[in-house]
């Protein structure tokens, strides 16, 4: 008897002659469904009761550059706190490296669009909340800054769930490892650095801090300049350490292929974002033509864009960004799609939120970061605090708050 025949017969047989396995719960003896004793002691359902934001503006600093951007001149962030009736607050923040007005737009979406949707909701339903936010925001789209707001909301909700459970979120998600390989994003372009002294100083610091891989920017100037920068990085790295290159969307298909062949020949580990994110056909062409890993994804929004890129075979390493790609809920789905195709994953950006997610992904190979970290053989250890470890220090809020 197959499943359909069994269910059909169950509809006409008396309950007394059916095996317990096919009986609806309502007709089984009550003793079989007695609530476990421990469940009686669980706290009541948690409800979201409030949403607060702080708008921060970072102090300007000496700029650094990639192929198309100047970073550090005008940047800021939004800090999000979601309150609950259990006294637990979920934290998240979302940042902009170069758009002065971006954070205020995200703050407005959070305060006026997101807040009415999530008030009264149970944070134990992050996928349901995500679905309702998509419906509420779909008229003006769920990409762009609207998705920055959705992503921050999801991260804060998972922070609540981890704190309520008393464990870090990477364990709640089903941990794969308890430490994560990292690379240092340190090879920027700098003003007045024709001799590469500033560039080399940053890489030397990264290797001294224990990194076993560094990423450098390419594509701002000529191919000869790229070769000079890559050669300097490889010489400093020496044997057993990796150099990754990042072109930040600057090339067309022909130039991307021309330079990619040189990067590949020089021994770079991966070739990141050579083309604009919408040129998925171009990424597929590069992936077919080159042996070097093609890495991209930081400017893709939602699992649907990643699914298209992956189905086209346009990347070897997918790189979600926790502001654009989504929060924990979306990231875990993106990772599963990539893993199903046998692809690797690395984060765009670092910090505790990325780390909590990456530790639960079997196909994650790197977290991007910079600066000093406590490392063991080029890997950072898992956070042990309950939640996402996503709280912004009060001192930072007080120093940079503008609204």
Foldseek 3Di string as FASTA:
>chain_A
DDPVVVLVVVVPDDPVPDDPVNDDPVPDDVVVVDDDPVVVPADDFKFWADKDKFKFWDDADAWWAFQPDTFRGTKIKMWMWIAIPVRDIFIAMFIDGHDNCLRVVLVCCCVPQLTVQRGGHGLVCLVVSLVSSCVSPPVVHCFDSVLLNQLRVSQRSQLRVQVSVFWELLVVLPFDDFKAFAEEAQATHGPPCPVCPSNLVQLLVRVVLQAQEYEHHDNNDDLVVVVVSVVSNDVSNDPRGAYAYEHQARDDLVVLLVSLVVCVVSPHQAYENPHPLVPLVSLLVSQVRDPHFYEYACNAAFLVSLLVSVVSVRGQEYEYESSGHHALVRVVVNLVSCVVSVHAYEYDADDQRVLSNLRRHPRYHYYYDHDHADDDNNIHGHDTGGGSPRDDDPVSSVVGTDD
